[in-house]
Amino acid sequence: MELGRIVGRNVTEAKFRCPYGEYLALGEIVVVEDAETAEPYYLRVFNVTYGAEASGDDWFERTAGHMLAMDGAEMEYGFADKERRLYKLASASVLGVLRDGNFRRAKGLVAHFSGVRRARDADFEFLPSETLTVGRLRSGDEPLPHRVGLAPEALPYHIGIFATTGMGKSNLLKCFCASALESGQAGLLVLDPHGEYFDGGVPDRRGLTHHPRADRLAVYSSRPLSGNYSQLRLSASEVEVRDLLHLYEFSGPQREALNAARQRYQRNWLVELNERNAEQVSEELHGEFHPGTIGVIKRRLRYLWQFDLLSSDPGVTASEAIIAHLDAGKVVLVDTSNMFETEELLVSMVLARAVFESHKAKYAQPKEFAKLPPVLVTLEESQRLLSETRGNVFAQIAREGRKFRVGLCAVSQQPKLLHSEVLSQFNTLFVMGLADRRDRESLQASAKQDLSQLDMEIQTLAAGEAILTSPHVPFALPVAVDLYEDYLQTLPPSEEQPQRASDDGFF
């Protein structure tokens, strides 16, 4: 059934008239069968206005005035031939045309008066069927059956998940992890500062541990969990000076002293600083730094030893086991919810660097490197560490990770606080509801697809709705993200899962 008729515009935009009684939603995808070529053009509605077959630009205002006057007199206004005289006029961006089975950008005009209809699931058979899905294709308010997501190969090109609080960022990431657990084709390092991902965090929620393929889940935590997990401990030898520069404010002389201690004591520098007194350290650094300067450094770093996170034993660390899990295509969940921010950020930086350097080292062995699944490192509240371009491992991964098959997933409610150069490295964006104009503008400037006409749609996204923009999809896809708890209900029990060729996730 036809929804409307094309009435004009240009190559990139189209306008069509539809009946007054038809409901049109922002983001709705419609299909135009070109009246001359019969080729299907795909349009996306970005605005809807009223129209009328009446004389004068102020006809609506005059008619409303007449109706108000008759309302006051308790008389009914007689509206003759309402359905013909009133209509809706939709403005839509031209997404592209399906030609010979291939979807491509349109370079010509859609013929005047071509019929417009609502899109059906069969219209999207040209879209790839991806492995790591998060929900269904959406047309306006209506979810369609087609599953939407990414291929594992897209992970090293970096992913951003951006939304105002309460719009569903964590739920989306949980669904993404669930797909990874099912596929076993990618390693995910999920750093969880809020305790949401293991068991859901609250009684009526579910977490990754409830997934039928939780055998592909490895959990590390410094707090007791009611389930299968490993104790999270790191070796002090894994901590670098640049890590600490993001945790504390150091003066110029203090930074120089830290670098000198790292050079003097090598990888054991943090332990030596902790165990020696300020005078000893000053002397062993050739008296170049005042004991008072060393004392300030020691007092600040003493905090790191107050908890059972760091070990002075280089052999006591979870890093090696975590890397092995990721190399086997597993999801590794690191729960840091009982840590202070300083500890949590330190854990994030140490583990991310360990993963990155492991992949760099294996890159020198092409045959072994080719067997590795891509790895994605998630960073919640990413604006804390991605506001500048240098100095930490996350910015380094954003710049260099693609080569070594290590991707970064930045999750934030304030993308405007991410450095523009770093944000430009993210090829894939999941944009959910964002009320702040500057946040939307920052994403429009960095997105690999044009989002300028989607500003109003992004503002009106409901919780659980997203826009997926990526070079790996033909246009910015509207997505109805699965509710994780509902998604679990669709999965077969563990024993009914199809058998894989091996436990390491490779087929």
Protein backbone atom coordinates (compact mmCIF):
# COMPACT_ATOMS: atom_id res chain seq x y z
CA MET A 1 0.00 0.00 0.00
CA GLU A 2 1.32 3.39 -0.99
CA LEU A 3 2.13 5.82 1.77
CA GLY A 4 2.69 8.89 -0.39
CA ARG A 5 3.99 10.47 -3.59
CA ILE A 6 7.25 12.24 -4.34
CA VAL A 7 6.76 15.97 -4.91
CA GLY A 8 10.33 17.19 -5.35
CA ARG A 9 13.60 18.34 -3.83
CA ASN A 10 17.09 17.28 -5.03
CA VAL A 11 19.61 14.39 -5.27
CA THR A 12 20.28 14.17 -1.53
CA GLU A 13 16.82 15.09 -0.22
CA ALA A 14 13.28 14.26 -1.20
CA LYS A 15 9.85 15.50 -0.21
CA PHE A 16 6.73 13.45 -0.38
CA ARG A 17 3.08 14.06 0.36
CA CYS A 18 1.11 11.58 2.40
CA PRO A 19 -2.46 11.50 3.74
CA TYR A 20 -3.39 13.56 6.76
CA GLY A 21 -4.24 10.52 8.82
CA GLU A 22 -0.93 8.70 8.29
CA TYR A 23 1.52 8.57 11.19
CA LEU A 24 5.12 9.34 10.26
CA ALA A 25 7.96 9.12 12.80
CA LEU A 26 11.40 10.69 12.69
CA GLY A 27 13.88 8.11 11.48
CA GLU A 28 11.32 6.09 9.58
CA ILE A 29 12.76 4.43 6.49
CA VAL A 30 10.58 4.38 3.39
CA VAL A 31 11.10 2.94 -0.07
CA VAL A 32 10.35 4.68 -3.37
CA GLU A 33 9.81 2.59 -6.47
CA ASP A 34 11.05 5.01 -9.12
CA ALA A 35 8.22 5.61 -11.59
CA GLU A 36 10.62 5.62 -14.57
CA THR A 37 13.36 3.10 -13.71
CA ALA A 38 11.54 0.89 -11.17
CA GLU A 39 14.67 1.02 -9.03
CA PRO A 40 14.04 1.14 -5.27
CA TYR A 41 15.31 4.28 -3.53
CA TYR A 42 15.63 4.32 0.25
CA LEU A 43 14.68 7.45 2.17
CA ARG A 44 14.92 8.38 5.84
CA VAL A 45 12.38 10.84 7.28
CA PHE A 46 13.99 13.71 9.18
CA ASN A 47 11.07 16.15 9.40
CA VAL A 48 7.29 16.23 8.96
CA THR A 49 5.10 19.31 8.46
CA TYR A 50 1.43 20.00 7.76
CA GLY A 51 0.14 21.09 4.38
CA ALA A 52 -3.22 22.27 3.09
CA GLU A 53 -4.91 22.85 -0.24
CA ALA A 54 -6.07 26.35 0.66
CA SER A 55 -5.43 29.92 -0.34
CA GLY A 56 -3.10 32.12 1.69
CA ASP A 57 -0.08 31.29 3.83
CA ASP A 58 -2.08 32.06 6.97
CA TRP A 59 -4.92 29.64 6.20
CA PHE A 60 -4.13 27.44 9.23
CA GLU A 61 -4.16 30.46 11.56
CA ARG A 62 -7.40 31.82 10.11
CA THR A 63 -9.13 28.45 10.32
CA ALA A 64 -7.99 27.94 13.92
CA GLY A 65 -9.44 31.37 14.73
CA HIS A 66 -12.80 30.44 13.23
CA MET A 67 -12.84 27.19 15.21
CA LEU A 68 -12.03 28.97 18.47
CA ALA A 69 -14.83 31.46 17.88
CA MET A 70 -17.32 28.69 17.25
CA ASP A 71 -16.01 26.78 20.31
CA GLY A 72 -16.91 29.84 22.37
CA ALA A 73 -20.39 29.84 20.92
CA GLU A 74 -20.69 26.11 21.53
CA MET A 75 -21.08 25.51 17.82
CA GLU A 76 -19.38 22.81 15.75
CA TYR A 77 -17.08 23.90 12.95
CA GLY A 78 -18.00 22.23 9.68
CA PHE A 79 -14.81 20.98 8.03
CA ALA A 80 -15.63 19.98 4.46
CA ASP A 81 -13.48 17.31 2.76
CA LYS A 82 -10.87 17.28 5.51
CA GLU A 83 -8.91 14.26 4.28
CA ARG A 84 -8.39 15.82 0.84
CA ARG A 85 -7.67 19.39 1.87
CA LEU A 86 -5.21 18.53 4.69
CA TYR A 87 -2.09 16.44 4.28
CA LYS A 88 1.39 15.86 5.66
CA LEU A 89 4.62 16.74 3.92
CA ALA A 90 7.69 14.69 4.82
CA SER A 91 11.30 15.74 4.30
CA ALA A 92 13.64 12.80 3.88
CA SER A 93 17.30 12.21 3.17
CA VAL A 94 18.08 9.95 0.21
CA LEU A 95 20.07 7.05 1.66
CA GLY A 96 20.76 5.35 -1.64
CA VAL A 97 19.43 3.11 -4.38
CA LEU A 98 19.46 -0.67 -4.78
CA ARG A 99 20.84 -1.41 -8.22
CA ASP A 100 21.63 -4.92 -9.49
CA GLY A 101 21.51 -6.19 -5.94
CA ASN A 102 24.07 -3.64 -4.71
CA PHE A 103 23.25 -0.71 -2.48
CA ARG A 104 24.94 2.51 -3.57
CA ARG A 105 24.72 6.26 -3.25
CA ALA A 106 22.11 7.87 -5.48
CA LYS A 107 23.42 10.26 -8.12
CA GLY A 108 20.16 11.04 -9.85
CA LEU A 109 16.73 12.38 -8.96
CA VAL A 110 13.80 10.23 -7.96
CA ALA A 111 11.08 10.68 -10.56
CA HIS A 112 8.24 13.05 -9.68
CA PHE A 113 5.11 11.45 -8.23
CA SER A 114 6.84 8.10 -7.67
CA GLY A 115 5.02 6.04 -5.09
CA VAL A 116 6.35 5.87 -1.53
CA ARG A 117 5.72 2.89 0.76
CA ARG A 118 6.86 1.80 4.20
CA ALA A 119 9.95 -0.38 4.31
CA ARG A 120 9.55 -4.11 4.94
CA ASP A 121 12.09 -6.55 6.32
CA ALA A 122 12.65 -8.03 2.85
CA ASP A 123 13.88 -4.62 1.70
CA PHE A 124 17.00 -5.03 3.85
CA GLU A 125 18.25 -8.36 2.60
CA PHE A 126 21.28 -6.53 1.15
CA LEU A 127 22.49 -5.71 4.66
CA PRO A 128 25.11 -8.15 5.95
CA SER A 129 24.26 -10.61 8.70
CA GLU A 130 26.77 -9.74 11.41
CA THR A 131 28.06 -11.92 14.21
CA LEU A 132 28.14 -9.45 17.10
CA THR A 133 24.60 -8.12 17.19
CA VAL A 134 22.98 -5.77 19.70
CA GLY A 135 19.40 -5.52 18.47
CA ARG A 136 17.10 -5.15 15.50
CA LEU A 137 16.87 -2.69 12.67
CA ARG A 138 14.36 0.02 13.48
CA SER A 139 12.19 2.14 11.19
CA GLY A 140 10.94 5.08 13.23
CA ASP A 141 9.26 3.50 16.25
CA GLU A 142 8.92 0.06 14.69
CA PRO A 143 11.57 -2.68 15.17
CA LEU A 144 12.08 -4.94 12.15
CA PRO A 145 13.25 -8.58 12.27
CA HIS A 146 16.69 -7.88 10.73
CA ARG A 147 19.49 -8.21 13.33
CA VAL A 148 22.01 -5.34 13.51
CA GLY A 149 25.57 -5.36 14.74
CA LEU A 150 29.19 -5.64 13.70
CA ALA A 151 31.60 -8.22 12.37
CA PRO A 152 34.55 -9.10 14.66
CA GLU A 153 36.85 -7.54 12.08
CA ALA A 154 35.39 -4.11 12.89
CA LEU A 155 36.59 -4.16 16.52
CA PRO A 156 40.17 -2.91 15.94
CA TYR A 157 38.75 0.18 14.23
CA HIS A 158 37.37 1.32 17.61
CA ILE A 159 33.82 1.75 18.89
CA GLY A 160 32.16 4.62 20.74
CA ILE A 161 28.97 4.27 22.81
CA PHE A 162 27.57 7.68 23.70
CA ALA A 163 24.37 8.59 25.52
CA THR A 164 22.90 10.61 28.32
CA THR A 165 22.51 8.77 31.62
CA GLY A 166 19.60 6.33 31.59
CA MET A 167 19.43 5.86 27.81
CA GLY A 168 20.89 2.33 27.82
CA LYS A 169 24.68 2.43 27.35
CA SER A 170 25.35 -0.41 29.80
CA ASN A 171 22.53 -2.54 28.43
CA LEU A 172 23.91 -2.13 24.89
CA LEU A 173 27.39 -3.17 25.98
CA LYS A 174 25.97 -6.19 27.82
CA CYS A 175 24.17 -7.26 24.65
CA PHE A 176 27.41 -6.85 22.70
CA CYS A 177 29.25 -9.01 25.25
CA ALA A 178 26.47 -11.60 25.01
CA SER A 179 27.00 -11.89 21.25
CA ALA A 180 30.73 -12.27 21.83
CA LEU A 181 30.08 -15.07 24.31
CA GLU A 182 27.95 -16.86 21.72
CA SER A 183 30.40 -16.47 18.85
CA GLY A 184 33.77 -16.98 20.54
CA GLN A 185 35.33 -15.02 17.66
CA ALA A 186 36.55 -11.98 19.57
CA GLY A 187 38.21 -11.23 22.89
CA LEU A 188 36.56 -8.54 25.03
CA LEU A 189 38.17 -6.94 28.05
CA VAL A 190 35.32 -5.33 29.97
CA LEU A 191 36.36 -2.99 32.78
CA ASP A 192 33.37 -2.58 35.08
CA PRO A 193 33.63 0.25 37.65
CA HIS A 194 29.96 0.01 38.67
CA GLY A 195 29.46 -3.73 39.21
CA GLU A 196 26.72 -3.96 36.56
CA TYR A 197 27.96 -6.70 34.28
CA PHE A 198 28.64 -9.75 36.45
CA ASP A 199 25.22 -10.45 37.97
CA GLY A 200 23.24 -7.37 36.93
CA GLY A 201 23.99 -5.39 40.07
CA VAL A 202 20.39 -5.44 41.40
CA PRO A 203 17.98 -8.36 42.08
CA ASP A 204 15.71 -7.89 39.04
CA ARG A 205 18.57 -7.62 36.56
CA ARG A 206 20.70 -10.27 34.90
CA GLY A 207 24.39 -10.20 34.13
CA LEU A 208 26.90 -12.02 31.96
CA THR A 209 27.15 -14.84 34.47
CA HIS A 210 23.54 -15.77 33.59
CA HIS A 211 24.42 -16.26 29.92
CA PRO A 212 24.17 -19.91 28.74
CA ARG A 213 27.73 -19.65 27.41
CA ALA A 214 29.20 -18.28 30.62
CA ASP A 215 31.90 -20.93 30.14
CA ARG A 216 33.43 -18.36 27.79
CA LEU A 217 33.40 -15.73 30.56
CA ALA A 218 36.40 -15.11 32.83
CA VAL A 219 35.80 -12.86 35.85
CA TYR A 220 38.36 -11.03 37.99
CA SER A 221 37.47 -9.01 41.04
CA SER A 222 39.00 -7.60 44.20
CA ARG A 223 35.68 -8.01 46.06
CA PRO A 224 33.87 -11.24 46.96
CA LEU A 225 31.38 -12.35 44.31
CA SER A 226 28.72 -15.03 44.57
CA GLY A 227 29.95 -17.14 41.71
CA ASN A 228 32.98 -18.26 39.76
CA TYR A 229 35.70 -15.60 39.73
CA SER A 230 39.43 -15.09 40.26
CA GLN A 231 41.14 -12.70 42.63
CA LEU A 232 42.35 -9.54 40.91
CA ARG A 233 45.98 -8.77 41.73
CA LEU A 234 48.66 -6.98 39.74
CA SER A 235 52.41 -6.83 40.03
CA ALA A 236 53.93 -3.46 40.94
CA SER A 237 56.48 -4.12 38.20
CA GLU A 238 53.71 -3.55 35.62
CA VAL A 239 53.12 0.05 36.70
CA GLU A 240 54.81 2.77 34.64
CA VAL A 241 55.49 6.41 35.53
CA ARG A 242 53.06 7.64 32.88
CA ASP A 243 50.27 5.74 34.64
CA LEU A 244 50.81 7.71 37.81
CA LEU A 245 50.86 11.04 36.00
CA HIS A 246 47.15 10.52 35.30
CA LEU A 247 46.39 9.67 38.91
CA TYR A 248 48.19 12.41 40.81
CA GLU A 249 49.32 15.97 40.32
CA PHE A 250 53.14 16.07 40.32
CA SER A 251 55.37 19.11 40.03
CA GLY A 252 58.16 19.28 37.45
CA PRO A 253 60.92 18.17 39.89
CA GLN A 254 58.70 15.37 41.19
CA ARG A 255 58.14 14.05 37.65
CA GLU A 256 61.88 14.13 37.02
CA ALA A 257 62.47 12.23 40.26
CA LEU A 258 59.93 9.57 39.26
CA ASN A 259 61.60 9.07 35.87
CA ALA A 260 65.03 8.94 37.51
CA ALA A 261 63.80 6.27 39.97
CA ARG A 262 62.34 4.24 37.10
CA GLN A 263 65.69 4.36 35.31
CA ARG A 264 67.68 3.55 38.48
CA TYR A 265 65.59 0.66 39.81
CA GLN A 266 64.22 -0.62 36.47
CA ARG A 267 60.95 -2.56 36.62
CA ASN A 268 61.13 -2.89 40.41
CA TRP A 269 61.16 0.89 40.84
CA LEU A 270 57.80 1.20 42.62
CA VAL A 271 58.74 -1.43 45.22
CA GLU A 272 62.14 0.17 45.84
CA LEU A 273 60.57 3.58 46.31
CA ASN A 274 58.13 2.13 48.82
CA GLU A 275 60.69 0.15 50.83
CA ARG A 276 63.51 2.70 51.00
CA ASN A 277 63.40 5.90 53.00
CA ALA A 278 63.61 9.27 51.29
CA GLU A 279 67.24 9.84 52.25
CA GLN A 280 68.33 6.50 50.76
CA VAL A 281 66.51 7.15 47.52
CA SER A 282 67.94 10.67 47.29
CA GLU A 283 71.44 9.31 47.79
CA GLU A 284 71.02 6.51 45.24
CA LEU A 285 69.78 9.09 42.74
CA HIS A 286 73.11 10.88 43.18
CA GLY A 287 71.68 13.62 45.34
CA GLU A 288 69.96 15.22 42.35
CA PHE A 289 66.64 15.38 44.22
CA HIS A 290 65.95 16.70 47.69
CA PRO A 291 64.75 14.11 50.25
CA GLY A 292 61.71 16.32 50.78
CA THR A 293 60.74 15.86 47.11
CA ILE A 294 61.17 12.09 47.43
CA GLY A 295 59.15 12.13 50.64
CA VAL A 296 56.18 13.81 48.94
CA ILE A 297 56.26 11.18 46.18
CA LYS A 298 56.41 8.33 48.71
CA ARG A 299 53.43 9.68 50.65
CA ARG A 300 51.34 9.90 47.52
CA LEU A 301 52.27 6.43 46.32
CA ARG A 302 51.78 4.84 49.74
CA TYR A 303 48.08 4.92 49.07
CA LEU A 304 48.51 2.31 46.32
CA TRP A 305 49.85 -0.19 48.86
CA GLN A 306 47.04 0.20 51.36
CA PHE A 307 44.89 -2.32 49.54
CA ASP A 308 45.58 -5.87 48.44
CA LEU A 309 45.78 -4.97 44.76
CA LEU A 310 49.52 -4.57 44.09
CA SER A 311 52.05 -7.26 44.84
CA SER A 312 55.79 -6.70 45.20
CA ASP A 313 56.27 -10.16 43.61
CA PRO A 314 56.68 -9.80 39.81
CA GLY A 315 55.16 -13.26 39.35
CA VAL A 316 51.89 -12.40 41.09
CA THR A 317 49.64 -10.89 38.46
CA ALA A 318 46.40 -11.62 36.64
CA SER A 319 47.65 -10.06 33.40
CA GLU A 320 49.06 -13.22 31.82
CA ALA A 321 45.91 -15.25 32.50
CA ILE A 322 43.71 -12.42 31.19
CA ILE A 323 45.73 -12.23 27.96
CA ALA A 324 45.42 -15.99 27.51
CA HIS A 325 41.63 -15.77 27.88
CA LEU A 326 41.43 -12.97 25.32
CA ASP A 327 43.63 -14.89 22.89
CA ALA A 328 41.12 -17.74 23.21
CA GLY A 329 38.24 -15.47 22.17
CA LYS A 330 36.70 -15.12 25.63
CA VAL A 331 35.05 -12.22 27.41
CA VAL A 332 37.09 -11.10 30.41
CA LEU A 333 35.18 -9.10 32.99
CA VAL A 334 37.26 -7.08 35.46
CA ASP A 335 35.09 -5.88 38.33
CA THR A 336 36.56 -2.78 40.01
CA SER A 337 33.38 -1.60 41.70
CA ASN A 338 34.82 -1.63 45.23
CA MET A 339 37.87 0.42 44.28
CA PHE A 340 38.50 4.10 44.61
CA GLU A 341 38.87 5.91 41.32
CA THR A 342 42.66 5.99 41.61
CA GLU A 343 42.90 2.20 41.87
CA GLU A 344 40.30 1.62 39.18
CA LEU A 345 42.10 3.83 36.68
CA LEU A 346 45.43 2.19 37.52
CA VAL A 347 43.99 -1.29 36.90
CA SER A 348 42.49 -0.14 33.60
CA MET A 349 45.76 1.32 32.33
CA VAL A 350 47.95 -1.61 33.44
CA LEU A 351 45.71 -4.27 31.90
CA ALA A 352 45.11 -2.35 28.67
CA ARG A 353 48.85 -1.84 28.20
CA ALA A 354 49.54 -5.52 28.91
CA VAL A 355 47.05 -6.56 26.22
CA PHE A 356 48.34 -4.01 23.73
CA GLU A 357 52.00 -4.90 24.23
CA SER A 358 51.20 -8.60 24.00
CA HIS A 359 49.62 -8.11 20.58
CA LYS A 360 52.52 -5.91 19.48
CA ALA A 361 54.99 -8.61 20.44
CA LYS A 362 53.02 -11.29 18.58
CA TYR A 363 52.80 -9.07 15.50
CA ALA A 364 56.44 -9.93 14.80
CA GLN A 365 55.36 -13.57 14.28
CA PRO A 366 52.91 -13.35 11.34
CA LYS A 367 51.70 -16.96 11.49
CA GLU A 368 50.90 -16.81 15.19
CA PHE A 369 49.47 -13.29 14.94
CA ALA A 370 47.07 -14.38 12.18
CA LYS A 371 45.48 -16.87 14.60
CA LEU A 372 44.65 -14.23 17.19
CA PRO A 373 41.06 -13.03 17.41
CA PRO A 374 40.56 -9.26 17.48
CA VAL A 375 40.44 -7.78 20.97
CA LEU A 376 38.29 -4.92 22.24
CA VAL A 377 39.15 -3.03 25.44
CA THR A 378 36.22 -1.15 26.98
CA LEU A 379 36.64 2.07 28.90
CA GLU A 380 33.67 3.38 30.93
CA GLU A 381 33.50 7.12 31.56
CA SER A 382 36.18 7.42 28.90
CA GLN A 383 36.34 11.22 29.10
CA ARG A 384 38.55 10.76 32.19
CA LEU A 385 41.42 9.40 30.10
CA LEU A 386 40.72 10.47 26.53
CA SER A 387 40.64 14.22 26.98
CA GLU A 388 44.19 14.51 25.63
CA THR A 389 46.16 12.89 22.84
CA ARG A 390 49.28 11.71 24.64
CA GLY A 391 50.45 10.15 27.82
CA ASN A 392 48.27 7.12 28.39
CA VAL A 393 47.84 3.75 26.77
CA PHE A 394 44.23 4.34 25.73
CA ALA A 395 45.15 7.27 23.50
CA GLN A 396 47.96 5.10 22.11
CA ILE A 397 45.53 2.26 21.34
CA ALA A 398 43.21 4.73 19.61
CA ARG A 399 46.09 5.80 17.35
CA GLU A 400 47.91 2.50 16.79
CA GLY A 401 45.65 -0.36 17.87
CA ARG A 402 44.23 -1.06 14.43
CA LYS A 403 47.55 -2.41 13.17
CA PHE A 404 47.83 -4.85 16.07
CA ARG A 405 44.13 -5.93 16.10
CA VAL A 406 43.40 -4.21 19.39
CA GLY A 407 40.37 -1.93 19.49
CA LEU A 408 39.10 0.51 22.07
CA CYS A 409 35.47 0.90 23.10
CA ALA A 410 34.87 4.30 24.68
CA VAL A 411 31.68 4.67 26.71
CA SER A 412 30.71 8.17 27.77
CA GLN A 413 27.82 10.51 28.40
CA GLN A 414 29.95 13.50 27.42
CA PRO A 415 31.67 12.90 24.07
CA LYS A 416 32.43 16.62 23.83
CA LEU A 417 35.08 16.09 26.54
CA LEU A 418 37.02 13.59 24.43
CA HIS A 419 39.87 15.11 22.47
CA SER A 420 38.77 15.64 18.87
CA GLU A 421 41.86 13.92 17.47
CA VAL A 422 41.20 10.83 19.59
CA LEU A 423 37.47 10.83 18.81
CA SER A 424 38.22 10.95 15.09
CA GLN A 425 39.88 7.52 15.40
CA PHE A 426 36.57 5.86 16.29
CA ASN A 427 35.15 4.42 13.09
CA THR A 428 32.01 2.99 14.66
CA LEU A 429 29.63 4.98 16.85
CA PHE A 430 26.52 3.88 18.70
CA VAL A 431 24.74 7.18 19.31
CA MET A 432 21.86 7.05 21.76
CA GLY A 433 19.83 9.89 23.24
CA LEU A 434 21.98 12.99 23.70
CA ALA A 435 20.32 16.15 24.96
CA ASP A 436 23.41 18.37 24.93
CA ARG A 437 23.93 20.17 21.61
CA ARG A 438 27.72 20.31 21.96
CA ASP A 439 27.85 16.54 22.48
CA ARG A 440 25.90 15.99 19.27
CA GLU A 441 28.06 18.45 17.35
CA SER A 442 31.25 16.72 18.44
CA LEU A 443 29.94 13.40 17.12
CA GLN A 444 28.72 14.94 13.87
CA ALA A 445 32.21 16.33 13.30
CA SER A 446 33.93 12.98 13.84
CA ALA A 447 31.44 10.44 12.45
CA LYS A 448 32.39 8.60 9.26
CA GLN A 449 28.87 9.17 7.90
CA ASP A 450 26.94 12.42 7.67
CA LEU A 451 24.78 12.87 10.78
CA SER A 452 23.81 16.49 10.19
CA GLN A 453 20.22 15.65 9.23
CA LEU A 454 19.82 13.29 12.18
CA ASP A 455 20.19 15.91 14.90
CA MET A 456 16.46 16.07 15.64
CA GLU A 457 16.17 12.28 15.54
CA ILE A 458 19.03 11.86 18.03
CA GLN A 459 17.35 14.33 20.39
CA THR A 460 14.13 12.32 20.31
CA LEU A 461 15.64 8.83 20.73
CA ALA A 462 13.95 6.90 23.52
CA ALA A 463 15.79 4.68 26.00
CA GLY A 464 17.07 1.60 24.16
CA GLU A 465 17.14 3.26 20.73
CA ALA A 466 20.38 4.01 18.93
CA ILE A 467 21.94 5.14 15.68
CA LEU A 468 24.77 2.95 14.39
CA THR A 469 27.17 4.79 12.13
CA SER A 470 30.19 3.02 10.69
CA PRO A 471 32.10 2.52 7.43
CA HIS A 472 31.02 -1.11 7.80
CA VAL A 473 27.33 -0.28 7.19
CA PRO A 474 25.91 1.41 4.05
CA PHE A 475 24.17 4.19 6.00
CA ALA A 476 23.56 5.21 9.59
CA LEU A 477 21.30 2.41 10.86
CA PRO A 478 18.51 3.03 13.37
CA VAL A 479 18.62 0.29 16.00
CA ALA A 480 16.19 -1.02 18.59
CA VAL A 481 18.64 -2.39 21.15
CA ASP A 482 17.65 -5.64 22.85
CA LEU A 483 16.81 -5.53 26.52
CA TYR A 484 19.42 -7.90 27.88
CA GLU A 485 17.01 -9.78 30.14
CA ASP A 486 14.61 -10.35 27.22
CA TYR A 487 17.49 -11.35 24.96
CA LEU A 488 18.56 -14.09 27.38
CA GLN A 489 15.11 -15.66 27.07
CA THR A 490 15.67 -16.24 23.35
CA LEU A 491 18.85 -18.27 23.85
CA PRO A 492 18.90 -22.04 24.13
CA PRO A 493 20.29 -23.59 27.32
CA SER A 494 23.98 -24.30 27.42
CA GLU A 495 23.67 -27.94 26.43
CA GLU A 496 21.72 -26.98 23.29
CA GLN A 497 24.33 -24.58 22.01
CA PRO A 498 25.96 -25.69 18.75
CA GLN A 499 29.35 -27.29 19.12
CA ARG A 500 32.39 -25.35 18.04
CA ALA A 501 35.42 -26.81 16.39
CA SER A 502 37.53 -25.95 19.43
CA ASP A 503 37.28 -24.25 22.79
CA ASP A 504 39.56 -21.42 21.76
CA GLY A 505 36.90 -19.78 19.67
CA PHE A 506 38.34 -20.48 16.21
CA PHE A 507 36.36 -22.22 13.50
